[in-house]
């Protein structure tokens, strides 16, 4: 998989997606809720973050915000020590180096097989974003 095929998958699979690009990231939002993306693709290192060495040819990082339950099913219920992970390793689902506490996961340059596992995680993240948007807009009515 490459980053454009994943971006296309997200944009074509989930309705009402909006994207924005900044600092080498593509942010995926539900509708106009640009407060918190449900997924991002980081395609290059920047002045704020270089832990994954994304400036290597063909390397990118897919970040996904999942539920607390899903995050714990992947990494356990104990507090995550992100310093024990090698965030340069390709094709391994890991907690996000900066946003693990917010239940974000990441994977560098996922293979087709890994992306099959990720599809359900992307769907969950999208559904969380839809529920958050709907809840917020009902309060504003």
Protein backbone atom coordinates (compact mmCIF):
# COMPACT_ATOMS: atom_id res chain seq x y z
CA UNK A 1 0.00 0.00 0.00
CA UNK A 2 1.10 3.54 -0.59
CA UNK A 3 -0.15 6.73 0.96
CA UNK A 4 -2.25 7.80 -2.02
CA UNK A 5 -4.06 4.44 -2.16
CA UNK A 6 -4.85 4.71 1.56
CA UNK A 7 -5.99 8.33 1.20
CA UNK A 8 -8.21 7.29 -1.71
CA UNK A 9 -9.60 4.38 0.28
CA UNK A 10 -10.55 6.67 3.19
CA UNK A 11 -12.04 9.37 0.96
CA UNK A 12 -14.01 6.91 -1.19
CA UNK A 13 -15.16 4.54 1.56
CA UNK A 14 -16.47 6.95 4.17
CA UNK A 15 -19.11 9.55 3.29
CA UNK A 16 -18.70 13.28 3.82
CA UNK A 17 -14.94 13.30 4.39
CA UNK A 18 -13.01 16.54 4.29
CA UNK A 19 -9.23 16.70 4.17
CA UNK A 20 -6.65 19.32 4.86
CA UNK A 21 -2.87 19.21 4.50
CA UNK A 22 -0.30 20.88 6.75
CA UNK A 23 3.27 20.19 7.95
CA UNK A 24 3.51 17.06 5.75
CA UNK A 25 0.29 15.60 7.16
CA UNK A 26 -3.04 14.88 5.50
CA UNK A 27 -5.87 15.18 8.04
CA UNK A 28 -9.17 13.33 7.57
CA UNK A 29 -12.27 14.86 9.16
CA UNK A 30 -15.94 14.06 9.18
CA UNK A 31 -17.74 16.95 7.50
CA UNK A 32 -16.64 20.35 8.78
CA UNK A 33 -15.53 19.09 12.21
CA UNK A 34 -11.92 20.19 11.86
CA UNK A 35 -11.22 20.05 15.59
CA UNK A 36 -10.02 16.44 15.71
CA UNK A 37 -9.18 14.26 12.71
CA UNK A 38 -10.15 10.60 12.93
CA UNK A 39 -7.11 9.68 10.85
CA UNK A 40 -3.98 11.31 9.48
CA UNK A 41 -1.24 10.36 7.08
CA UNK A 42 2.19 11.76 7.89
CA UNK A 43 4.40 11.75 4.83
CA UNK A 44 7.51 13.56 6.00
CA UNK A 45 9.41 14.58 9.09
CA UNK A 46 8.92 18.15 10.23
CA UNK A 47 10.29 20.47 12.87
CA UNK A 48 7.81 19.14 15.43
CA UNK A 49 8.30 15.44 14.93
CA UNK A 50 10.86 13.14 13.33
CA UNK A 51 10.63 10.01 15.52
CA UNK A 52 9.55 7.78 12.61
CA UNK A 53 12.20 8.96 10.14
CA UNK A 54 9.56 9.57 7.49
CA UNK A 55 12.04 11.11 5.08
CA UNK A 56 13.04 7.62 3.95
CA UNK A 57 11.85 6.78 0.42
CA UNK A 58 8.27 5.46 0.37
CA UNK A 59 7.81 5.65 4.16
CA UNK A 60 4.71 7.25 5.67
CA UNK A 61 2.75 6.82 8.89
CA UNK A 62 -0.97 6.22 9.12
CA UNK A 63 -2.45 7.43 12.44
CA UNK A 64 -5.94 6.37 13.57
CA UNK A 65 -8.01 7.39 16.60
CA UNK A 66 -9.77 4.32 17.98
CA UNK A 67 -11.93 3.69 21.04
CA UNK A 68 -10.37 3.13 24.44
CA UNK A 69 -11.62 -0.48 24.36
CA UNK A 70 -9.97 -1.17 21.01
CA UNK A 71 -6.76 0.52 22.09
CA UNK A 72 -6.65 -1.59 25.25
CA UNK A 73 -7.39 -4.77 23.28
CA UNK A 74 -4.33 -4.03 21.16
CA UNK A 75 -1.91 -2.83 23.85
CA UNK A 76 -3.33 -3.77 27.24
CA UNK A 77 -4.82 -1.71 30.04
CA UNK A 78 -1.58 -0.53 31.64
CA UNK A 79 -0.24 2.92 30.87
CA UNK A 80 1.69 2.76 27.60
CA UNK A 81 5.42 3.44 27.72
CA UNK A 82 6.00 4.70 24.19
CA UNK A 83 9.75 4.76 24.78
CA UNK A 84 9.71 0.96 24.50
CA UNK A 85 8.60 1.12 20.85
CA UNK A 86 10.73 1.58 17.77
CA UNK A 87 8.66 4.00 15.71
CA UNK A 88 10.87 3.49 12.65
CA UNK A 89 9.71 -0.13 12.12
CA UNK A 90 7.52 -0.67 9.07
CA UNK A 91 4.22 -2.56 8.95
CA UNK A 92 3.61 -2.91 12.71
CA UNK A 93 0.55 -1.53 14.49
CA UNK A 94 1.79 0.48 17.49
CA UNK A 95 0.49 3.15 19.86
CA UNK A 96 1.01 6.63 18.45
CA UNK A 97 4.29 8.18 19.72
CA UNK A 98 2.57 11.39 20.89
CA UNK A 99 -1.16 10.63 21.12
CA UNK A 100 -1.33 7.16 22.66
CA UNK A 101 -3.08 8.66 25.70
CA UNK A 102 -5.86 9.80 23.33
CA UNK A 103 -6.15 6.23 21.96
CA UNK A 104 -4.38 6.89 18.67
CA UNK A 105 -2.55 4.07 16.98
CA UNK A 106 -0.11 4.19 14.09
CA UNK A 107 1.54 2.02 11.47
CA UNK A 108 4.36 2.88 9.09
CA UNK A 109 3.85 1.90 5.45
CA UNK A 110 1.32 -0.91 6.06
CA UNK A 111 1.35 -3.95 3.79
CA UNK A 112 -1.85 -5.20 2.12
CA UNK A 113 -2.25 -7.80 4.89
CA UNK A 114 -1.86 -5.24 7.66
CA UNK A 115 -4.18 -2.84 5.88
CA UNK A 116 -6.87 -5.53 5.92
CA UNK A 117 -6.68 -5.41 9.73
CA UNK A 118 -6.67 -1.61 9.66
CA UNK A 119 -9.87 -1.28 7.61
CA UNK A 120 -12.02 -2.13 10.64
CA UNK A 121 -10.02 0.33 12.77
CA UNK A 122 -10.57 3.10 10.23
CA UNK A 123 -14.31 2.33 10.20
CA UNK A 124 -14.38 2.54 13.99
CA UNK A 125 -12.50 5.85 13.99
CA UNK A 126 -14.88 7.26 11.36
CA UNK A 127 -17.93 6.14 13.37
CA UNK A 128 -16.51 7.79 16.50
CA UNK A 129 -16.09 11.03 14.52
CA UNK A 130 -19.67 10.83 13.21
CA UNK A 131 -21.07 10.27 16.72
CA UNK A 132 -18.99 13.14 18.14
CA UNK A 133 -20.15 15.47 15.34
CA UNK A 134 -23.81 14.46 15.77
CA UNK A 135 -23.68 14.85 19.55
CA UNK A 136 -22.04 18.28 19.27
CA UNK A 137 -24.51 19.54 16.69
CA UNK A 138 -27.55 18.35 18.68
CA UNK A 139 -26.33 20.48 21.58
CA UNK A 140 -26.11 23.50 19.27
CA UNK A 141 -29.69 23.20 17.98
